PDB file of N, CA and C in Angstrom:
ATOM      1  N   MET A   1     -31.346  54.883  72.767  1.00  0.00           N
ATOM      2  CA  MET A   1     -31.431  53.248  72.162  1.00  0.00           C
ATOM      3  C   MET A   1     -30.825  51.950  73.483  1.00  0.00           C
ATOM      4  N   GLU A   2     -31.507  50.768  73.163  1.00  0.00           N
ATOM      5  CA  GLU A   2     -31.649  50.102  74.050  1.00  0.00           C
ATOM      6  C   GLU A   2     -30.656  48.911  73.244  1.00  0.00           C
ATOM      7  N   TRP A   3     -29.933  48.210  73.758  1.00  0.00           N
ATOM      8  CA  TRP A   3     -29.023  46.824  73.080  1.00  0.00           C
ATOM      9  C   TRP A   3     -29.397  45.967  73.912  1.00  0.00           C
ATOM     10  N   LYS A   4     -30.285  44.691  73.256  1.00  0.00           N
ATOM     11  CA  LYS A   4     -30.442  43.524  74.435  1.00  0.00           C
ATOM     12  C   LYS A   4     -29.421  42.678  74.056  1.00  0.00           C
ATOM     13  N   LYS A   5     -29.032  42.029  75.051  1.00  0.00           N
ATOM     14  CA  LYS A   5     -27.699  40.752  74.444  1.00  0.00           C
ATOM     15  C   LYS A   5     -27.931  39.715  73.433  1.00  0.00           C
ATOM     16  N   SER A   6     -29.062  39.595  73.074  1.00  0.00           N
ATOM     17  CA  SER A   6     -29.432  38.714  71.800  1.00  0.00           C
ATOM     18  C   SER A   6     -29.344  39.530  70.881  1.00  0.00           C
ATOM     19  N   ALA A   7     -28.706  40.765  70.598  1.00  0.00           N
ATOM     20  CA  ALA A   7     -28.268  41.152  69.687  1.00  0.00           C
ATOM     21  C   ALA A   7     -27.162  41.047  69.341  1.00  0.00           C
ATOM     22  N   ALA A   8     -26.037  40.563  69.861  1.00  0.00           N
ATOM     23  CA  ALA A   8     -24.843  40.402  70.154  1.00  0.00           C
ATOM     24  C   ALA A   8     -24.833  38.718  69.834  1.00  0.00           C
ATOM     25  N   LYS A   9     -25.535  37.520  69.668  1.00  0.00           N
ATOM     26  CA  LYS A   9     -25.634  36.615  69.879  1.00  0.00           C
ATOM     27  C   LYS A   9     -24.779  35.902  68.825  1.00  0.00           C
ATOM     28  N   HIS A  10     -24.645  36.760  67.786  1.00  0.00           N
ATOM     29  CA  HIS A  10     -24.254  36.169  66.098  1.00  0.00           C
ATOM     30  C   HIS A  10     -23.020  36.932  65.871  1.00  0.00           C
ATOM     31  N   GLY A  11     -22.448  37.699  66.600  1.00  0.00           N
ATOM     32  CA  GLY A  11     -21.008  38.539  66.377  1.00  0.00           C
ATOM     33  C   GLY A  11     -20.846  39.554  65.708  1.00  0.00           C
ATOM     34  N   ILE A  12     -22.251  40.404  65.438  1.00  0.00           N
ATOM     35  CA  ILE A  12     -21.826  41.325  64.449  1.00  0.00           C
ATOM     36  C   ILE A  12     -21.934  43.042  65.510  1.00  0.00           C
ATOM     37  N   PRO A  13     -20.877  43.674  65.065  1.00  0.00           N
ATOM     38  CA  PRO A  13     -20.805  44.631  65.639  1.00  0.00           C
ATOM     39  C   PRO A  13     -21.638  45.480  65.829  1.00  0.00           C
ATOM     40  N   ARG A  14     -22.199  46.195  66.780  1.00  0.00           N
ATOM     41  CA  ARG A  14     -22.813  47.355  66.676  1.00  0.00           C
ATOM     42  C   ARG A  14     -22.771  48.619  65.467  1.00  0.00           C
ATOM     43  N   GLU A  15     -21.463  48.777  65.218  1.00  0.00           N
ATOM     44  CA  GLU A  15     -21.329  49.658  64.162  1.00  0.00           C
ATOM     45  C   GLU A  15     -21.835  49.013  62.433  1.00  0.00           C
ATOM     46  N   ASP A  16     -22.015  47.627  62.549  1.00  0.00           N
ATOM     47  CA  ASP A  16     -22.402  46.998  61.378  1.00  0.00           C
ATOM     48  C   ASP A  16     -23.427  47.085  61.406  1.00  0.00           C
ATOM     49  N   ILE A  17     -24.562  46.953  62.313  1.00  0.00           N
ATOM     50  CA  ILE A  17     -26.015  46.676  62.797  1.00  0.00           C
ATOM     51  C   ILE A  17     -26.362  48.396  62.498  1.00  0.00           C
ATOM     52  N   LEU A  18     -25.839  49.256  62.976  1.00  0.00           N
ATOM     53  CA  LEU A  18     -26.344  50.510  62.758  1.00  0.00           C
ATOM     54  C   LEU A  18     -26.588  51.097  61.134  1.00  0.00           C
ATOM     55  N   TRP A  19     -25.303  50.413  60.684  1.00  0.00           N
ATOM     56  CA  TRP A  19     -24.949  50.541  59.096  1.00  0.00           C
ATOM     57  C   TRP A  19     -26.074  49.974  58.343  1.00  0.00           C
ATOM     58  N   ALA A  20     -26.250  48.786  58.915  1.00  0.00           N
ATOM     59  CA  ALA A  20     -27.354  47.802  58.183  1.00  0.00           C
ATOM     60  C   ALA A  20     -28.822  48.207  57.847  1.00  0.00           C
ATOM     61  N   ILE A  21     -28.942  49.332  59.044  1.00  0.00           N
ATOM     62  CA  ILE A  21     -30.105  49.873  59.589  1.00  0.00           C
ATOM     63  C   ILE A  21     -30.119  51.177  58.533  1.00  0.00           C
ATOM     64  N   SER A  22     -28.881  52.193  58.522  1.00  0.00           N
ATOM     65  CA  SER A  22     -29.377  53.119  58.090  1.00  0.00           C
ATOM     66  C   SER A  22     -29.022  52.896  56.530  1.00  0.00           C
ATOM     67  N   HIS A  23     -28.658  52.181  56.087  1.00  0.00           N
ATOM     68  CA  HIS A  23     -28.760  51.815  54.487  1.00  0.00           C
ATOM     69  C   HIS A  23     -29.280  50.562  54.247  1.00  0.00           C
ATOM     70  N   ALA A  24     -30.762  50.283  54.736  1.00  0.00           N
ATOM     71  CA  ALA A  24     -31.204  49.094  54.871  1.00  0.00           C
ATOM     72  C   ALA A  24     -31.613  49.078  52.978  1.00  0.00           C
ATOM     73  N   GLU A  25     -31.559  48.090  52.675  1.00  0.00           N
ATOM     74  CA  GLU A  25     -32.291  47.749  51.453  1.00  0.00           C
ATOM     75  C   GLU A  25     -33.603  47.432  50.758  1.00  0.00           C
ATOM     76  N   GLY A  26     -34.037  46.841  52.066  1.00  0.00           N
ATOM     77  CA  GLY A  26     -35.247  46.100  52.176  1.00  0.00           C
ATOM     78  C   GLY A  26     -35.972  45.974  53.881  1.00  0.00           C
ATOM     79  N   GLN A  27     -36.820  46.215  54.075  1.00  0.00           N
ATOM     80  CA  GLN A  27     -37.644  46.217  55.270  1.00  0.00           C
ATOM     81  C   GLN A  27     -39.173  46.420  55.240  1.00  0.00           C
ATOM     82  N   GLU A  28     -39.616  45.652  56.422  1.00  0.00           N
ATOM     83  CA  GLU A  28     -40.997  45.363  56.835  1.00  0.00           C
ATOM     84  C   GLU A  28     -41.428  44.931  58.226  1.00  0.00           C
ATOM     85  N   ASN A  29     -42.545  45.836  58.730  1.00  0.00           N
ATOM     86  CA  ASN A  29     -42.999  45.363  60.151  1.00  0.00           C
ATOM     87  C   ASN A  29     -43.016  44.157  60.236  1.00  0.00           C
ATOM     88  N   VAL A  30     -43.034  43.429  61.196  1.00  0.00           N
ATOM     89  CA  VAL A  30     -43.619  41.842  62.169  1.00  0.00           C
ATOM     90  C   VAL A  30     -43.957  41.578  63.085  1.00  0.00           C
ATOM     91  N   SER A  31     -44.374  40.768  63.548  1.00  0.00           N
ATOM     92  CA  SER A  31     -45.094  40.706  64.849  1.00  0.00           C
ATOM     93  C   SER A  31     -44.041  41.180  65.612  1.00  0.00           C
ATOM     94  N   GLY A  32     -44.692  41.789  66.792  1.00  0.00           N
ATOM     95  CA  GLY A  32     -43.699  42.003  68.155  1.00  0.00           C
ATOM     96  C   GLY A  32     -44.583  42.008  69.381  1.00  0.00           C
ATOM     97  N   ARG A  33     -44.351  42.548  70.024  1.00  0.00           N
ATOM     98  CA  ARG A  33     -45.106  43.113  71.283  1.00  0.00           C
ATOM     99  C   ARG A  33     -46.060  44.007  71.206  1.00  0.00           C
ATOM    100  N   PRO A  34     -46.939  43.593  71.794  1.00  0.00           N
ATOM    101  CA  PRO A  34     -48.234  44.992  71.933  1.00  0.00           C
ATOM    102  C   PRO A  34     -48.068  45.917  72.243  1.00  0.00           C
ATOM    103  N   GLY A  35     -48.652  47.026  71.350  1.00  0.00           N
ATOM    104  CA  GLY A  35     -48.107  48.252  71.274  1.00  0.00           C
ATOM    105  C   GLY A  35     -46.972  48.979  70.996  1.00  0.00           C
ATOM    106  N   TRP A  36     -45.891  47.909  70.510  1.00  0.00           N
ATOM    107  CA  TRP A  36     -44.971  48.922  70.122  1.00  0.00           C
ATOM    108  C   TRP A  36     -44.916  48.036  68.232  1.00  0.00           C
ATOM    109  N   LEU A  37     -44.170  49.101  67.916  1.00  0.00           N
ATOM    110  CA  LEU A  37     -43.716  48.756  66.352  1.00  0.00           C
ATOM    111  C   LEU A  37     -42.668  48.009  66.096  1.00  0.00           C
ATOM    112  N   THR A  38     -42.571  46.761  66.066  1.00  0.00           N
ATOM    113  CA  THR A  38     -41.852  45.888  65.390  1.00  0.00           C
ATOM    114  C   THR A  38     -41.135  45.564  64.261  1.00  0.00           C
ATOM    115  N   ARG A  39     -40.080  45.709  63.680  1.00  0.00           N
ATOM    116  CA  ARG A  39     -39.663  46.142  61.995  1.00  0.00           C
ATOM    117  C   ARG A  39     -38.399  45.415  61.980  1.00  0.00           C
ATOM    118  N   VAL A  40     -37.942  44.541  60.536  1.00  0.00           N
ATOM    119  CA  VAL A  40     -37.145  44.079  60.364  1.00  0.00           C
ATOM    120  C   VAL A  40     -36.439  44.820  59.270  1.00  0.00           C
ATOM    121  N   TRP A  41     -34.987  45.142  59.198  1.00  0.00           N
ATOM    122  CA  TRP A  41     -34.096  45.607  57.979  1.00  0.00           C
ATOM    123  C   TRP A  41     -33.056  44.806  57.724  1.00  0.00           C
ATOM    124  N   VAL A  42     -32.844  44.641  56.313  1.00  0.00           N
ATOM    125  CA  VAL A  42     -31.929  43.774  55.766  1.00  0.00           C
ATOM    126  C   VAL A  42     -30.823  45.113  54.830  1.00  0.00           C
ATOM    127  N   GLY A  43     -30.035  44.639  55.080  1.00  0.00           N
ATOM    128  CA  GLY A  43     -28.828  45.526  54.339  1.00  0.00           C
ATOM    129  C   GLY A  43     -27.441  45.290  54.758  1.00  0.00           C
ATOM    130  N   HIS A  44     -26.578  45.556  53.774  1.00  0.00           N
ATOM    131  CA  HIS A  44     -25.235  45.136  54.189  1.00  0.00           C
ATOM    132  C   HIS A  44     -24.410  45.523  55.608  1.00  0.00           C
ATOM    133  N   PRO A  45     -23.852  44.956  56.247  1.00  0.00           N
ATOM    134  CA  PRO A  45     -22.756  45.265  57.226  1.00  0.00           C
ATOM    135  C   PRO A  45     -22.097  46.303  57.617  1.00  0.00           C
ATOM    136  N   HIS A  46     -21.435  46.846  56.025  1.00  0.00           N
ATOM    137  CA  HIS A  46     -20.868  48.054  55.438  1.00  0.00           C
ATOM    138  C   HIS A  46     -20.712  48.238  53.808  1.00  0.00           C
ATOM    139  N   ALA A  47     -20.160  49.042  54.163  1.00  0.00           N
ATOM    140  CA  ALA A  47     -20.045  49.279  52.287  1.00  0.00           C
ATOM    141  C   ALA A  47     -19.345  48.803  51.682  1.00  0.00           C
ATOM    142  N   GLN A  48     -18.292  47.605  52.210  1.00  0.00           N
ATOM    143  CA  GLN A  48     -17.014  46.899  51.652  1.00  0.00           C
ATOM    144  C   GLN A  48     -17.348  45.512  51.602  1.00  0.00           C
ATOM    145  N   THR A  49     -18.848  44.915  51.252  1.00  0.00           N
ATOM    146  CA  THR A  49     -19.191  43.803  51.351  1.00  0.00           C
ATOM    147  C   THR A  49     -20.510  43.713  50.433  1.00  0.00           C
ATOM    148  N   ASP A  50     -20.351  42.631  49.819  1.00  0.00           N
ATOM    149  CA  ASP A  50     -21.609  41.921  49.572  1.00  0.00           C
ATOM    150  C   ASP A  50     -22.763  41.233  49.877  1.00  0.00           C
ATOM    151  N   ARG A  51     -22.470  40.824  51.289  1.00  0.00           N
ATOM    152  CA  ARG A  51     -23.488  39.922  52.219  1.00  0.00           C
ATOM    153  C   ARG A  51     -24.112  40.703  53.123  1.00  0.00           C
ATOM    154  N   TYR A  52     -25.854  40.295  53.432  1.00  0.00           N
ATOM    155  CA  TYR A  52     -26.372  40.961  53.992  1.00  0.00           C
ATOM    156  C   TYR A  52     -26.590  40.378  55.308  1.00  0.00           C
ATOM    157  N   ILE A  53     -27.530  41.290  56.275  1.00  0.00           N
ATOM    158  CA  ILE A  53     -27.724  41.198  57.563  1.00  0.00           C
ATOM    159  C   ILE A  53     -29.028  41.012  57.528  1.00  0.00           C
ATOM    160  N   GLU A  54     -29.692  40.679  58.755  1.00  0.00           N
ATOM    161  CA  GLU A  54     -31.081  41.315  59.498  1.00  0.00           C
ATOM    162  C   GLU A  54     -30.818  41.657  60.687  1.00  0.00           C
ATOM    163  N   VAL A  55     -31.756  42.625  60.836  1.00  0.00           N
ATOM    164  CA  VAL A  55     -31.678  43.269  62.195  1.00  0.00           C
ATOM    165  C   VAL A  55     -33.029  43.595  62.772  1.00  0.00           C
ATOM    166  N   ILE A  56     -33.705  43.100  63.698  1.00  0.00           N
ATOM    167  CA  ILE A  56     -34.970  43.418  64.233  1.00  0.00           C
ATOM    168  C   ILE A  56     -34.949  44.151  65.118  1.00  0.00           C
ATOM    169  N   VAL A  57     -35.926  45.356  65.288  1.00  0.00           N
ATOM    170  CA  VAL A  57     -36.245  46.304  66.443  1.00  0.00           C
ATOM    171  C   VAL A  57     -37.376  46.682  66.578  1.00  0.00           C
ATOM    172  N   ALA A  58     -37.706  46.723  67.992  1.00  0.00           N
ATOM    173  CA  ALA A  58     -38.791  47.342  68.427  1.00  0.00           C
ATOM    174  C   ALA A  58     -38.937  48.526  68.795  1.00  0.00           C
ATOM    175  N   MET A  59     -39.922  49.431  68.575  1.00  0.00           N
ATOM    176  CA  MET A  59     -40.195  50.451  68.731  1.00  0.00           C
ATOM    177  C   MET A  59     -41.196  51.047  69.267  1.00  0.00           C
ATOM    178  N   LYS A  60     -41.278  52.208  70.398  1.00  0.00           N
ATOM    179  CA  LYS A  60     -42.536  52.614  70.798  1.00  0.00           C
ATOM    180  C   LYS A  60     -42.124  54.116  71.240  1.00  0.00           C
ATOM    181  N   GLY A  61     -42.631  54.885  70.574  1.00  0.00           N
ATOM    182  CA  GLY A  61     -42.373  56.594  70.988  1.00  0.00           C
ATOM    183  C   GLY A  61     -41.303  56.784  70.783  1.00  0.00           C
ATOM    184  N   ASP A  62     -40.212  57.113  71.909  1.00  0.00           N
ATOM    185  CA  ASP A  62     -38.628  57.528  71.604  1.00  0.00           C
ATOM    186  C   ASP A  62     -37.593  56.402  71.943  1.00  0.00           C
ATOM    187  N   GLU A  63     -38.424  55.271  72.067  1.00  0.00           N
ATOM    188  CA  GLU A  63     -37.775  53.934  72.615  1.00  0.00           C
ATOM    189  C   GLU A  63     -37.383  52.629  71.608  1.00  0.00           C
ATOM    190  N   PHE A  64     -36.242  52.505  71.418  1.00  0.00           N
ATOM    191  CA  PHE A  64     -35.472  51.792  70.181  1.00  0.00           C
ATOM    192  C   PHE A  64     -34.541  50.994  70.628  1.00  0.00           C
ATOM    193  N   VAL A  65     -34.899  49.422  71.178  1.00  0.00           N
ATOM    194  CA  VAL A  65     -34.589  48.445  71.321  1.00  0.00           C
ATOM    195  C   VAL A  65     -34.562  47.542  70.194  1.00  0.00           C
ATOM    196  N   ILE A  66     -33.034  47.452  70.453  1.00  0.00           N
ATOM    197  CA  ILE A  66     -32.420  46.473  68.591  1.00  0.00           C
ATOM    198  C   ILE A  66     -31.888  45.144  69.387  1.00  0.00           C
ATOM    199  N   PHE A  67     -32.600  43.925  69.111  1.00  0.00           N
ATOM    200  CA  PHE A  67     -32.776  42.971  70.086  1.00  0.00           C
ATOM    201  C   PHE A  67     -31.940  41.652  69.067  1.00  0.00           C
ATOM    202  N   HIS A  68     -32.205  41.632  67.915  1.00  0.00           N
ATOM    203  CA  HIS A  68     -31.480  40.746  66.881  1.00  0.00           C
ATOM    204  C   HIS A  68     -30.953  41.169  65.711  1.00  0.00           C
ATOM    205  N   ALA A  69     -29.710  40.288  65.535  1.00  0.00           N
ATOM    206  CA  ALA A  69     -28.878  40.551  64.412  1.00  0.00           C
ATOM    207  C   ALA A  69     -28.276  39.558  64.137  1.00  0.00           C
ATOM    208  N   MET A  70     -28.259  39.310  62.756  1.00  0.00           N
ATOM    209  CA  MET A  70     -27.642  38.103  62.475  1.00  0.00           C
ATOM    210  C   MET A  70     -27.651  38.087  60.937  1.00  0.00           C
ATOM    211  N   PRO A  71     -26.640  37.012  60.294  1.00  0.00           N
ATOM    212  CA  PRO A  71     -26.807  37.295  58.761  1.00  0.00           C
ATOM    213  C   PRO A  71     -28.155  36.965  58.323  1.00  0.00           C
ATOM    214  N   LEU A  72     -28.160  37.424  57.036  1.00  0.00           N
ATOM    215  CA  LEU A  72     -29.504  37.088  56.355  1.00  0.00           C
ATOM    216  C   LEU A  72     -29.892  35.375  56.631  1.00  0.00           C
ATOM    217  N   SER A  73     -31.123  35.305  56.568  1.00  0.00           N
ATOM    218  CA  SER A  73     -31.673  33.854  56.586  1.00  0.00           C
ATOM    219  C   SER A  73     -32.852  34.186  55.815  1.00  0.00           C
ATOM    220  N   ASP A  74     -32.944  32.990  55.071  1.00  0.00           N
ATOM    221  CA  ASP A  74     -34.071  32.577  54.107  1.00  0.00           C
ATOM    222  C   ASP A  74     -35.568  33.482  54.784  1.00  0.00           C
ATOM    223  N   LEU A  75     -35.942  33.648  55.988  1.00  0.00           N
ATOM    224  CA  LEU A  75     -37.622  34.228  56.514  1.00  0.00           C
ATOM    225  C   LEU A  75     -37.089  35.418  55.816  1.00  0.00           C
ATOM    226  N   TYR A  76     -36.297  36.372  55.682  1.00  0.00           N
ATOM    227  CA  TYR A  76     -36.309  37.561  55.408  1.00  0.00           C
ATOM    228  C   TYR A  76     -35.726  38.151  53.776  1.00  0.00           C
ATOM    229  N   ARG A  77     -35.314  37.107  52.947  1.00  0.00           N
ATOM    230  CA  ARG A  77     -34.543  36.877  52.052  1.00  0.00           C
ATOM    231  C   ARG A  77     -35.099  37.809  50.623  1.00  0.00           C
ATOM    232  N   HIS A  78     -36.444  37.773  50.928  1.00  0.00           N
ATOM    233  CA  HIS A  78     -37.544  38.287  49.880  1.00  0.00           C
ATOM    234  C   HIS A  78     -37.299  39.623  50.027  1.00  0.00           C
ATOM    235  N   LEU A  79     -37.165  40.614  50.856  1.00  0.00           N
ATOM    236  CA  LEU A  79     -36.968  41.623  50.835  1.00  0.00           C
ATOM    237  C   LEU A  79     -35.859  42.503  50.490  1.00  0.00           C
ATOM    238  N   ILE A  80     -34.648  41.469  49.575  1.00  0.00           N
ATOM    239  CA  ILE A  80     -33.770  41.650  48.856  1.00  0.00           C
ATOM    240  C   ILE A  80     -33.643  41.112  47.626  1.00  0.00           C
ATOM    241  N   GLU A  81     -34.925  39.980  47.250  1.00  0.00           N
ATOM    242  CA  GLU A  81     -34.209  39.079  46.201  1.00  0.00           C
ATOM    243  C   GLU A  81     -34.371  40.112  44.683  1.00  0.00           C
ATOM    244  N   THR A  82     -34.812  41.204  44.861  1.00  0.00           N
ATOM    245  CA  THR A  82     -34.984  42.155  43.402  1.00  0.00           C
ATOM    246  C   THR A  82     -33.410  42.578  43.412  1.00  0.00           C
ATOM    247  N   LYS A  83     -32.472  42.789  44.185  1.00  0.00           N
ATOM    248  CA  LYS A  83     -31.668  43.407  43.961  1.00  0.00           C
ATOM    249  C   LYS A  83     -30.499  42.739  44.310  1.00  0.00           C
ATOM    250  N   GLU A  84     -30.588  40.865  44.403  1.00  0.00           N
ATOM    251  CA  GLU A  84     -29.411  40.152  44.511  1.00  0.00           C
ATOM    252  C   GLU A  84     -29.553  39.984  42.726  1.00  0.00           C
TER     253      GLU A  84
END
């Protein structure tokens, strides 16, 4: 697993990023690098909150590159709209 500096830009701890991915309430594939699968996950950063974060990861084979994590934006809110 590789962590890009951009994943820390919004101050979300790595543990919260991993929690959101593993407990995601919504996800979808998005455009990314050719030859890579790029996916956005939307989930809570931990079990004691109602807020959501979005996490974007590029994957190829066994490579897993986390490069984006921030509070949920309107761009991906549709992934959880039925849950709110």
